[in-house]
């Protein structure tokens, strides 16, 4: 009986994650893409878009923590996506952009 309850709970969490959290993550990523479209062209913008395009799963995975507080789900997803997007952007800058110390 305990296994059935655990399995039901897991299915409920997974369902909420896919049906509630994923759409919020996509909405937030779209917000950041629209913001980036207002930025000047260049390597920084390119790396920002690359972070969103190639590392969106970080935002999706991190946002599972928003399920711990359903009443604050939207706000928590906004915060998690913003922080993860910044982190991925900075990671891209460190790993992919070639520049000397003077240019940094």
PDB file of N, CA and C in Angstrom:
ATOM      1  N   UNK A   1       0.827  -1.196   0.000  1.00  0.00           N
ATOM      2  CA  UNK A   1       0.000   0.000   0.000  1.00  0.00           C
ATOM      3  C   UNK A   1       0.870   1.259   0.000  1.00  0.00           C
ATOM      4  N   UNK A   2       1.948   1.221   0.774  1.00  0.00           N
ATOM      5  CA  UNK A   2       2.845   2.371   0.845  1.00  0.00           C
ATOM      6  C   UNK A   2       3.463   2.662  -0.514  1.00  0.00           C
ATOM      7  N   UNK A   3       3.829   1.617  -1.238  1.00  0.00           N
ATOM      8  CA  UNK A   3       4.414   1.800  -2.565  1.00  0.00           C
ATOM      9  C   UNK A   3       3.432   2.464  -3.519  1.00  0.00           C
ATOM     10  N   UNK A   4       2.156   2.116  -3.415  1.00  0.00           N
ATOM     11  CA  UNK A   4       1.142   2.725  -4.276  1.00  0.00           C
ATOM     12  C   UNK A   4       0.987   4.208  -3.975  1.00  0.00           C
ATOM     13  N   UNK A   5       1.027   4.571  -2.703  1.00  0.00           N
ATOM     14  CA  UNK A   5       0.931   5.991  -2.333  1.00  0.00           C
ATOM     15  C   UNK A   5       2.151   6.759  -2.819  1.00  0.00           C
ATOM     16  N   UNK A   6       3.308   6.157  -2.670  1.00  0.00           N
ATOM     17  CA  UNK A   6       4.535   6.805  -3.135  1.00  0.00           C
ATOM     18  C   UNK A   6       4.490   6.986  -4.650  1.00  0.00           C
ATOM     19  N   UNK A   7       4.058   5.958  -5.350  1.00  0.00           N
ATOM     20  CA  UNK A   7       3.966   6.044  -6.808  1.00  0.00           C
ATOM     21  C   UNK A   7       2.945   7.104  -7.232  1.00  0.00           C
ATOM     22  N   UNK A   8       1.819   7.168  -6.550  1.00  0.00           N
ATOM     23  CA  UNK A   8       0.800   8.180  -6.867  1.00  0.00           C
ATOM     24  C   UNK A   8       1.344   9.579  -6.613  1.00  0.00           C
ATOM     25  N   UNK A   9       2.079   9.753  -5.515  1.00  0.00           N
ATOM     26  CA  UNK A   9       2.666  11.059  -5.203  1.00  0.00           C
ATOM     27  C   UNK A   9       3.671  11.454  -6.279  1.00  0.00           C
ATOM     28  N   UNK A  10       4.504  10.503  -6.698  1.00  0.00           N
ATOM     29  CA  UNK A  10       5.499  10.788  -7.734  1.00  0.00           C
ATOM     30  C   UNK A  10       4.832  11.189  -9.047  1.00  0.00           C
ATOM     31  N   UNK A  11       3.760  10.500  -9.406  1.00  0.00           N
ATOM     32  CA  UNK A  11       3.038  10.845 -10.632  1.00  0.00           C
ATOM     33  C   UNK A  11       2.420  12.234 -10.524  1.00  0.00           C
ATOM     34  N   UNK A  12       1.903  12.567  -9.353  1.00  0.00           N
ATOM     35  CA  UNK A  12       1.309  13.886  -9.144  1.00  0.00           C
ATOM     36  C   UNK A  12       2.364  14.972  -9.284  1.00  0.00           C
ATOM     37  N   UNK A  13       3.512  14.773  -8.666  1.00  0.00           N
ATOM     38  CA  UNK A  13       4.594  15.758  -8.755  1.00  0.00           C
ATOM     39  C   UNK A  13       5.063  15.897 -10.198  1.00  0.00           C
ATOM     40  N   UNK A  14       5.259  14.792 -10.874  1.00  0.00           N
ATOM     41  CA  UNK A  14       5.712  14.836 -12.263  1.00  0.00           C
ATOM     42  C   UNK A  14       4.683  15.529 -13.157  1.00  0.00           C
ATOM     43  N   UNK A  15       3.418  15.232 -12.944  1.00  0.00           N
ATOM     44  CA  UNK A  15       2.356  15.871 -13.733  1.00  0.00           C
ATOM     45  C   UNK A  15       2.339  17.370 -13.503  1.00  0.00           C
ATOM     46  N   UNK A  16       2.422  17.792 -12.262  1.00  0.00           N
ATOM     47  CA  UNK A  16       2.452  19.231 -11.959  1.00  0.00           C
ATOM     48  C   UNK A  16       3.690  19.887 -12.556  1.00  0.00           C
ATOM     49  N   UNK A  17       4.805  19.191 -12.506  1.00  0.00           N
ATOM     50  CA  UNK A  17       6.046  19.730 -13.052  1.00  0.00           C
ATOM     51  C   UNK A  17       5.908  19.985 -14.549  1.00  0.00           C
ATOM     52  N   UNK A  18       5.383  19.012 -15.263  1.00  0.00           N
ATOM     53  CA  UNK A  18       5.268  19.132 -16.718  1.00  0.00           C
ATOM     54  C   UNK A  18       4.154  20.095 -17.124  1.00  0.00           C
ATOM     55  N   UNK A  19       3.018  20.054 -16.433  1.00  0.00           N
ATOM     56  CA  UNK A  19       1.874  20.866 -16.863  1.00  0.00           C
ATOM     57  C   UNK A  19       1.870  22.279 -16.307  1.00  0.00           C
ATOM     58  N   UNK A  20       2.502  22.502 -15.169  1.00  0.00           N
ATOM     59  CA  UNK A  20       2.490  23.832 -14.556  1.00  0.00           C
ATOM     60  C   UNK A  20       3.836  24.541 -14.660  1.00  0.00           C
ATOM     61  N   UNK A  21       4.903  23.834 -14.340  1.00  0.00           N
ATOM     62  CA  UNK A  21       6.215  24.480 -14.270  1.00  0.00           C
ATOM     63  C   UNK A  21       6.822  24.692 -15.656  1.00  0.00           C
ATOM     64  N   UNK A  22       6.820  23.684 -16.499  1.00  0.00           N
ATOM     65  CA  UNK A  22       7.428  23.837 -17.831  1.00  0.00           C
ATOM     66  C   UNK A  22       6.861  25.021 -18.608  1.00  0.00           C
ATOM     67  N   UNK A  23       5.536  25.199 -18.645  1.00  0.00           N
ATOM     68  CA  UNK A  23       5.019  26.374 -19.363  1.00  0.00           C
ATOM     69  C   UNK A  23       5.488  27.701 -18.759  1.00  0.00           C
ATOM     70  N   UNK A  24       5.612  27.765 -17.446  1.00  0.00           N
ATOM     71  CA  UNK A  24       6.115  28.986 -16.806  1.00  0.00           C
ATOM     72  C   UNK A  24       7.577  29.223 -17.169  1.00  0.00           C
ATOM     73  N   UNK A  25       8.356  28.168 -17.213  1.00  0.00           N
ATOM     74  CA  UNK A  25       9.767  28.295 -17.605  1.00  0.00           C
ATOM     75  C   UNK A  25       9.857  28.831 -19.034  1.00  0.00           C
ATOM     76  N   UNK A  26       9.068  28.278 -19.929  1.00  0.00           N
ATOM     77  CA  UNK A  26       9.089  28.737 -21.324  1.00  0.00           C
ATOM     78  C   UNK A  26       8.677  30.202 -21.423  1.00  0.00           C
ATOM     79  N   UNK A  27       7.679  30.589 -20.645  1.00  0.00           N
ATOM     80  CA  UNK A  27       7.243  31.989 -20.654  1.00  0.00           C
ATOM     81  C   UNK A  27       8.370  32.903 -20.204  1.00  0.00           C
ATOM     82  N   UNK A  28       9.082  32.513 -19.165  1.00  0.00           N
ATOM     83  CA  UNK A  28      10.188  33.331 -18.670  1.00  0.00           C
ATOM     84  C   UNK A  28      11.345  33.381 -19.671  1.00  0.00           C
ATOM     85  N   UNK A  29      11.660  32.263 -20.279  1.00  0.00           N
ATOM     86  CA  UNK A  29      12.726  32.261 -21.286  1.00  0.00           C
ATOM     87  C   UNK A  29      12.345  33.146 -22.475  1.00  0.00           C
ATOM     88  N   UNK A  30      11.074  33.126 -22.857  1.00  0.00           N
ATOM     89  CA  UNK A  30      10.612  34.018 -23.927  1.00  0.00           C
ATOM     90  C   UNK A  30      10.741  35.478 -23.520  1.00  0.00           C
ATOM     91  N   UNK A  31      10.480  35.775 -22.250  1.00  0.00           N
ATOM     92  CA  UNK A  31      10.662  37.140 -21.748  1.00  0.00           C
ATOM     93  C   UNK A  31      12.119  37.575 -21.947  1.00  0.00           C
ATOM     94  N   UNK A  32      13.055  36.706 -21.572  1.00  0.00           N
ATOM     95  CA  UNK A  32      14.474  37.062 -21.692  1.00  0.00           C
ATOM     96  C   UNK A  32      14.913  37.161 -23.150  1.00  0.00           C
ATOM     97  N   UNK A  33      14.337  36.339 -24.019  1.00  0.00           N
ATOM     98  CA  UNK A  33      14.662  36.459 -25.446  1.00  0.00           C
ATOM     99  C   UNK A  33      14.168  37.793 -26.006  1.00  0.00           C
ATOM    100  N   UNK A  34      12.971  38.200 -25.612  1.00  0.00           N
ATOM    101  CA  UNK A  34      12.456  39.506 -26.059  1.00  0.00           C
ATOM    102  C   UNK A  34      13.345  40.628 -25.539  1.00  0.00           C
ATOM    103  N   UNK A  35      13.784  40.511 -24.298  1.00  0.00           N
ATOM    104  CA  UNK A  35      14.686  41.510 -23.733  1.00  0.00           C
ATOM    105  C   UNK A  35      15.976  41.575 -24.547  1.00  0.00           C
ATOM    106  N   UNK A  36      16.519  40.420 -24.884  1.00  0.00           N
ATOM    107  CA  UNK A  36      17.768  40.381 -25.653  1.00  0.00           C
ATOM    108  C   UNK A  36      17.616  41.009 -27.033  1.00  0.00           C
ATOM    109  N   UNK A  37      16.442  40.929 -27.602  1.00  0.00           N
ATOM    110  CA  UNK A  37      16.215  41.541 -28.912  1.00  0.00           C
ATOM    111  C   UNK A  37      16.344  43.057 -28.870  1.00  0.00           C
ATOM    112  N   UNK A  38      16.292  43.649 -27.684  1.00  0.00           N
ATOM    113  CA  UNK A  38      16.467  45.099 -27.549  1.00  0.00           C
ATOM    114  C   UNK A  38      17.929  45.482 -27.347  1.00  0.00           C
ATOM    115  N   UNK A  39      18.791  44.498 -27.187  1.00  0.00           N
ATOM    116  CA  UNK A  39      20.211  44.754 -26.939  1.00  0.00           C
ATOM    117  C   UNK A  39      20.964  44.912 -28.255  1.00  0.00           C
ATOM    118  N   UNK A  40      22.086  45.639 -28.218  1.00  0.00           N
ATOM    119  CA  UNK A  40      22.887  45.785 -29.436  1.00  0.00           C
ATOM    120  C   UNK A  40      23.471  44.446 -29.885  1.00  0.00           C
ATOM    121  N   UNK A  41      23.666  44.327 -31.187  1.00  0.00           N
ATOM    122  CA  UNK A  41      24.258  43.106 -31.744  1.00  0.00           C
ATOM    123  C   UNK A  41      25.706  42.981 -31.270  1.00  0.00           C
ATOM    124  N   UNK A  42      26.177  41.757 -31.183  1.00  0.00           N
ATOM    125  CA  UNK A  42      27.561  41.520 -30.806  1.00  0.00           C
ATOM    126  C   UNK A  42      27.719  40.193 -30.097  1.00  0.00           C
ATOM    127  N   UNK A  43      28.937  39.936 -29.669  1.00  0.00           N
ATOM    128  CA  UNK A  43      29.271  38.655 -29.047  1.00  0.00           C
ATOM    129  C   UNK A  43      28.508  38.427 -27.744  1.00  0.00           C
ATOM    130  N   UNK A  44      28.309  39.479 -26.966  1.00  0.00           N
ATOM    131  CA  UNK A  44      27.599  39.311 -25.696  1.00  0.00           C
ATOM    132  C   UNK A  44      26.164  38.847 -25.928  1.00  0.00           C
ATOM    133  N   UNK A  45      25.507  39.464 -26.892  1.00  0.00           N
ATOM    134  CA  UNK A  45      24.138  39.066 -27.229  1.00  0.00           C
ATOM    135  C   UNK A  45      24.112  37.638 -27.772  1.00  0.00           C
ATOM    136  N   UNK A  46      25.073  37.323 -28.609  1.00  0.00           N
ATOM    137  CA  UNK A  46      25.169  35.978 -29.184  1.00  0.00           C
ATOM    138  C   UNK A  46      25.297  34.928 -28.081  1.00  0.00           C
ATOM    139  N   UNK A  47      26.136  35.194 -27.101  1.00  0.00           N
ATOM    140  CA  UNK A  47      26.336  34.242 -26.009  1.00  0.00           C
ATOM    141  C   UNK A  47      25.102  34.140 -25.111  1.00  0.00           C
ATOM    142  N   UNK A  48      24.401  35.236 -24.940  1.00  0.00           N
ATOM    143  CA  UNK A  48      23.175  35.208 -24.139  1.00  0.00           C
ATOM    144  C   UNK A  48      22.127  34.316 -24.807  1.00  0.00           C
ATOM    145  N   UNK A  49      21.945  34.485 -26.107  1.00  0.00           N
ATOM    146  CA  UNK A  49      21.001  33.633 -26.834  1.00  0.00           C
ATOM    147  C   UNK A  49      21.450  32.171 -26.819  1.00  0.00           C
ATOM    148  N   UNK A  50      22.742  31.940 -26.937  1.00  0.00           N
ATOM    149  CA  UNK A  50      23.260  30.568 -26.919  1.00  0.00           C
ATOM    150  C   UNK A  50      22.962  29.897 -25.585  1.00  0.00           C
ATOM    151  N   UNK A  51      23.100  30.644 -24.501  1.00  0.00           N
ATOM    152  CA  UNK A  51      22.802  30.087 -23.187  1.00  0.00           C
ATOM    153  C   UNK A  51      21.353  29.656 -23.069  1.00  0.00           C
ATOM    154  N   UNK A  52      20.457  30.486 -23.572  1.00  0.00           N
ATOM    155  CA  UNK A  52      19.034  30.145 -23.515  1.00  0.00           C
ATOM    156  C   UNK A  52      18.735  28.957 -24.424  1.00  0.00           C
ATOM    157  N   UNK A  53      19.306  28.965 -25.598  1.00  0.00           N
ATOM    158  CA  UNK A  53      19.017  27.921 -26.584  1.00  0.00           C
ATOM    159  C   UNK A  53      19.570  26.555 -26.159  1.00  0.00           C
ATOM    160  N   UNK A  54      20.787  26.535 -25.647  1.00  0.00           N
ATOM    161  CA  UNK A  54      21.448  25.253 -25.389  1.00  0.00           C
ATOM    162  C   UNK A  54      21.379  24.784 -23.936  1.00  0.00           C
ATOM    163  N   UNK A  55      20.975  25.666 -23.030  1.00  0.00           N
ATOM    164  CA  UNK A  55      20.992  25.268 -21.615  1.00  0.00           C
ATOM    165  C   UNK A  55      19.642  25.482 -20.933  1.00  0.00           C
ATOM    166  N   UNK A  56      18.573  25.498 -21.716  1.00  0.00           N
ATOM    167  CA  UNK A  56      17.232  25.698 -21.159  1.00  0.00           C
ATOM    168  C   UNK A  56      16.892  24.619 -20.131  1.00  0.00           C
ATOM    169  N   UNK A  57      17.451  23.418 -20.309  1.00  0.00           N
ATOM    170  CA  UNK A  57      17.166  22.325 -19.385  1.00  0.00           C
ATOM    171  C   UNK A  57      17.633  22.646 -17.968  1.00  0.00           C
ATOM    172  N   UNK A  58      18.626  23.531 -17.823  1.00  0.00           N
ATOM    173  CA  UNK A  58      19.031  23.953 -16.480  1.00  0.00           C
ATOM    174  C   UNK A  58      17.887  24.699 -15.805  1.00  0.00           C
ATOM    175  N   UNK A  59      17.226  25.556 -16.546  1.00  0.00           N
ATOM    176  CA  UNK A  59      16.079  26.297 -16.005  1.00  0.00           C
ATOM    177  C   UNK A  59      14.926  25.347 -15.702  1.00  0.00           C
ATOM    178  N   UNK A  60      14.694  24.418 -16.598  1.00  0.00           N
ATOM    179  CA  UNK A  60      13.610  23.460 -16.383  1.00  0.00           C
ATOM    180  C   UNK A  60      13.881  22.607 -15.146  1.00  0.00           C
ATOM    181  N   UNK A  61      15.076  22.071 -15.051  1.00  0.00           N
ATOM    182  CA  UNK A  61      15.410  21.220 -13.912  1.00  0.00           C
ATOM    183  C   UNK A  61      15.426  21.970 -12.598  1.00  0.00           C
ATOM    184  N   UNK A  62      16.029  23.146 -12.593  1.00  0.00           N
ATOM    185  CA  UNK A  62      16.094  23.930 -11.364  1.00  0.00           C
ATOM    186  C   UNK A  62      14.736  24.361 -10.863  1.00  0.00           C
ATOM    187  N   UNK A  63      13.807  24.511 -11.784  1.00  0.00           N
ATOM    188  CA  UNK A  63      12.482  25.006 -11.409  1.00  0.00           C
ATOM    189  C   UNK A  63      11.627  23.972 -10.692  1.00  0.00           C
ATOM    190  N   UNK A  64      12.112  22.749 -10.585  1.00  0.00           N
ATOM    191  CA  UNK A  64      11.351  21.756  -9.824  1.00  0.00           C
ATOM    192  C   UNK A  64      11.213  22.196  -8.365  1.00  0.00           C
ATOM    193  N   UNK A  65      12.174  22.984  -7.887  1.00  0.00           N
ATOM    194  CA  UNK A  65      12.109  23.460  -6.502  1.00  0.00           C
ATOM    195  C   UNK A  65      10.917  24.374  -6.262  1.00  0.00           C
ATOM    196  N   UNK A  66      10.385  24.968  -7.303  1.00  0.00           N
ATOM    197  CA  UNK A  66       9.215  25.832  -7.153  1.00  0.00           C
ATOM    198  C   UNK A  66       7.994  25.045  -6.686  1.00  0.00           C
ATOM    199  N   UNK A  67       7.978  23.747  -6.905  1.00  0.00           N
ATOM    200  CA  UNK A  67       6.845  22.925  -6.480  1.00  0.00           C
ATOM    201  C   UNK A  67       6.734  22.819  -4.963  1.00  0.00           C
ATOM    202  N   UNK A  68       7.792  23.150  -4.252  1.00  0.00           N
ATOM    203  CA  UNK A  68       7.741  23.092  -2.792  1.00  0.00           C
ATOM    204  C   UNK A  68       6.831  24.157  -2.204  1.00  0.00           C
ATOM    205  N   UNK A  69       6.562  25.187  -2.958  1.00  0.00           N
ATOM    206  CA  UNK A  69       5.707  26.269  -2.471  1.00  0.00           C
ATOM    207  C   UNK A  69       4.698  26.642  -3.563  1.00  0.00           C
ATOM    208  N   UNK A  70       3.635  25.852  -3.708  1.00  0.00           N
ATOM    209  CA  UNK A  70       2.684  26.062  -4.800  1.00  0.00           C
ATOM    210  C   UNK A  70       2.084  27.465  -4.842  1.00  0.00           C
ATOM    211  N   UNK A  71       1.910  28.081  -3.691  1.00  0.00           N
ATOM    212  CA  UNK A  71       1.316  29.425  -3.656  1.00  0.00           C
ATOM    213  C   UNK A  71       2.267  30.485  -4.218  1.00  0.00           C
ATOM    214  N   UNK A  72       3.544  30.157  -4.318  1.00  0.00           N
ATOM    215  CA  UNK A  72       4.538  31.096  -4.859  1.00  0.00           C
ATOM    216  C   UNK A  72       5.183  30.550  -6.132  1.00  0.00           C
ATOM    217  N   UNK A  73       4.527  29.609  -6.775  1.00  0.00           N
ATOM    218  CA  UNK A  73       5.082  28.916  -7.933  1.00  0.00           C
ATOM    219  C   UNK A  73       5.569  29.877  -9.010  1.00  0.00           C
ATOM    220  N   UNK A  74       4.727  30.800  -9.426  1.00  0.00           N
ATOM    221  CA  UNK A  74       5.072  31.723 -10.509  1.00  0.00           C
ATOM    222  C   UNK A  74       6.293  32.568 -10.150  1.00  0.00           C
ATOM    223  N   UNK A  75       6.294  33.128  -8.954  1.00  0.00           N
ATOM    224  CA  UNK A  75       7.405  33.974  -8.515  1.00  0.00           C
ATOM    225  C   UNK A  75       8.699  33.176  -8.417  1.00  0.00           C
ATOM    226  N   UNK A  76       8.615  31.982  -7.872  1.00  0.00           N
ATOM    227  CA  UNK A  76       9.815  31.155  -7.743  1.00  0.00           C
ATOM    228  C   UNK A  76      10.381  30.768  -9.107  1.00  0.00           C
ATOM    229  N   UNK A  77       9.525  30.442 -10.055  1.00  0.00           N
ATOM    230  CA  UNK A  77      10.009  30.110 -11.399  1.00  0.00           C
ATOM    231  C   UNK A  77      10.672  31.329 -12.027  1.00  0.00           C
ATOM    232  N   UNK A  78      10.084  32.504 -11.855  1.00  0.00           N
ATOM    233  CA  UNK A  78      10.699  33.732 -12.379  1.00  0.00           C
ATOM    234  C   UNK A  78      12.114  33.908 -11.833  1.00  0.00           C
ATOM    235  N   UNK A  79      12.263  33.730 -10.533  1.00  0.00           N
ATOM    236  CA  UNK A  79      13.564  33.912  -9.882  1.00  0.00           C
ATOM    237  C   UNK A  79      14.553  32.837 -10.336  1.00  0.00           C
ATOM    238  N   UNK A  80      14.115  31.585 -10.325  1.00  0.00           N
ATOM    239  CA  UNK A  80      15.000  30.481 -10.701  1.00  0.00           C
ATOM    240  C   UNK A  80      15.472  30.635 -12.140  1.00  0.00           C
ATOM    241  N   UNK A  81      14.567  30.970 -13.049  1.00  0.00           N
ATOM    242  CA  UNK A  81      14.946  31.127 -14.457  1.00  0.00           C
ATOM    243  C   UNK A  81      15.904  32.301 -14.622  1.00  0.00           C
ATOM    244  N   UNK A  82      15.642  33.401 -13.938  1.00  0.00           N
ATOM    245  CA  UNK A  82      16.531  34.566 -14.050  1.00  0.00           C
ATOM    246  C   UNK A  82      17.935  34.229 -13.555  1.00  0.00           C
ATOM    247  N   UNK A  83      18.031  33.618 -12.394  1.00  0.00           N
ATOM    248  CA  UNK A  83      19.342  33.291 -11.821  1.00  0.00           C
ATOM    249  C   UNK A  83      20.063  32.246 -12.676  1.00  0.00           C
ATOM    250  N   UNK A  84      19.344  31.231 -13.125  1.00  0.00           N
ATOM    251  CA  UNK A  84      19.975  30.192 -13.942  1.00  0.00           C
ATOM    252  C   UNK A  84      20.407  30.741 -15.295  1.00  0.00           C
ATOM    253  N   UNK A  85      19.614  31.635 -15.870  1.00  0.00           N
ATOM    254  CA  UNK A  85      19.962  32.236 -17.156  1.00  0.00           C
ATOM    255  C   UNK A  85      21.217  33.089 -17.025  1.00  0.00           C
ATOM    256  N   UNK A  86      21.310  33.845 -15.948  1.00  0.00           N
ATOM    257  CA  UNK A  86      22.516  34.644 -15.700  1.00  0.00           C
ATOM    258  C   UNK A  86      23.725  33.725 -15.524  1.00  0.00           C
ATOM    259  N   UNK A  87      23.546  32.662 -14.765  1.00  0.00           N
ATOM    260  CA  UNK A  87      24.637  31.717 -14.527  1.00  0.00           C
ATOM    261  C   UNK A  87      25.119  31.078 -15.832  1.00  0.00           C
ATOM    262  N   UNK A  88      24.180  30.653 -16.666  1.00  0.00           N
ATOM    263  CA  UNK A  88      24.553  30.045 -17.949  1.00  0.00           C
ATOM    264  C   UNK A  88      25.227  31.056 -18.865  1.00  0.00           C
ATOM    265  N   UNK A  89      24.758  32.292 -18.836  1.00  0.00           N
ATOM    266  CA  UNK A  89      25.360  33.356 -19.646  1.00  0.00           C
ATOM    267  C   UNK A  89      26.813  33.580 -19.226  1.00  0.00           C
ATOM    268  N   UNK A  90      27.042  33.712 -17.928  1.00  0.00           N
ATOM    269  CA  UNK A  90      28.403  33.921 -17.436  1.00  0.00           C
ATOM    270  C   UNK A  90      29.290  32.718 -17.741  1.00  0.00           C
ATOM    271  N   UNK A  91      28.732  31.533 -17.638  1.00  0.00           N
ATOM    272  CA  UNK A  91      29.474  30.324 -17.983  1.00  0.00           C
ATOM    273  C   UNK A  91      29.890  30.355 -19.453  1.00  0.00           C
ATOM    274  N   UNK A  92      28.974  30.762 -20.323  1.00  0.00           N
ATOM    275  CA  UNK A  92      29.307  30.879 -21.752  1.00  0.00           C
ATOM    276  C   UNK A  92      30.413  31.894 -21.970  1.00  0.00           C
ATOM    277  N   UNK A  93      30.342  33.013 -21.281  1.00  0.00           N
ATOM    278  CA  UNK A  93      31.374  34.036 -21.454  1.00  0.00           C
ATOM    279  C   UNK A  93      32.742  33.505 -21.045  1.00  0.00           C
ATOM    280  N   UNK A  94      32.783  32.761 -19.961  1.00  0.00           N
ATOM    281  CA  UNK A  94      34.060  32.218 -19.486  1.00  0.00           C
ATOM    282  C   UNK A  94      34.591  31.121 -20.403  1.00  0.00           C
ATOM    283  N   UNK A  95      33.705  30.293 -20.918  1.00  0.00           N
ATOM    284  CA  UNK A  95      34.127  29.122 -21.691  1.00  0.00           C
ATOM    285  C   UNK A  95      34.308  29.375 -23.177  1.00  0.00           C
ATOM    286  N   UNK A  96      33.558  30.310 -23.741  1.00  0.00           N
ATOM    287  CA  UNK A  96      33.505  30.396 -25.202  1.00  0.00           C
ATOM    288  C   UNK A  96      34.049  31.676 -25.803  1.00  0.00           C
ATOM    289  N   UNK A  97      34.117  32.735 -25.039  1.00  0.00           N
ATOM    290  CA  UNK A  97      34.556  34.010 -25.600  1.00  0.00           C
ATOM    291  C   UNK A  97      36.061  34.119 -25.440  1.00  0.00           C
ATOM    292  N   UNK A  98      36.736  34.332 -26.542  1.00  0.00           N
ATOM    293  CA  UNK A  98      38.186  34.493 -26.540  1.00  0.00           C
ATOM    294  C   UNK A  98      38.520  35.976 -26.422  1.00  0.00           C
ATOM    295  N   UNK A  99      39.193  36.338 -25.360  1.00  0.00           N
ATOM    296  CA  UNK A  99      39.660  37.724 -25.241  1.00  0.00           C
ATOM    297  C   UNK A  99      40.850  37.752 -24.291  1.00  0.00           C
ATOM    298  N   UNK A 100      41.684  38.730 -24.495  1.00  0.00           N
ATOM    299  CA  UNK A 100      42.831  38.917 -23.619  1.00  0.00           C
ATOM    300  C   UNK A 100      42.424  39.685 -22.378  1.00  0.00           C
ATOM    301  N   UNK A 101      43.318  39.790 -21.433  1.00  0.00           N
ATOM    302  CA  UNK A 101      43.028  40.478 -20.177  1.00  0.00           C
ATOM    303  C   UNK A 101      42.632  41.930 -20.407  1.00  0.00           C
ATOM    304  N   UNK A 102      43.263  42.596 -21.369  1.00  0.00           N
ATOM    305  CA  UNK A 102      42.946  44.001 -21.620  1.00  0.00           C
ATOM    306  C   UNK A 102      41.526  44.161 -22.147  1.00  0.00           C
ATOM    307  N   UNK A 103      41.085  43.196 -22.944  1.00  0.00           N
ATOM    308  CA  UNK A 103      39.757  43.269 -23.531  1.00  0.00           C
ATOM    309  C   UNK A 103      38.662  42.985 -22.517  1.00  0.00           C
ATOM    310  N   UNK A 104      38.971  42.202 -21.500  1.00  0.00           N
ATOM    311  CA  UNK A 104      37.966  41.832 -20.509  1.00  0.00           C
ATOM    312  C   UNK A 104      37.528  43.058 -19.770  1.00  0.00           C
TER     313      UNK A 104
END
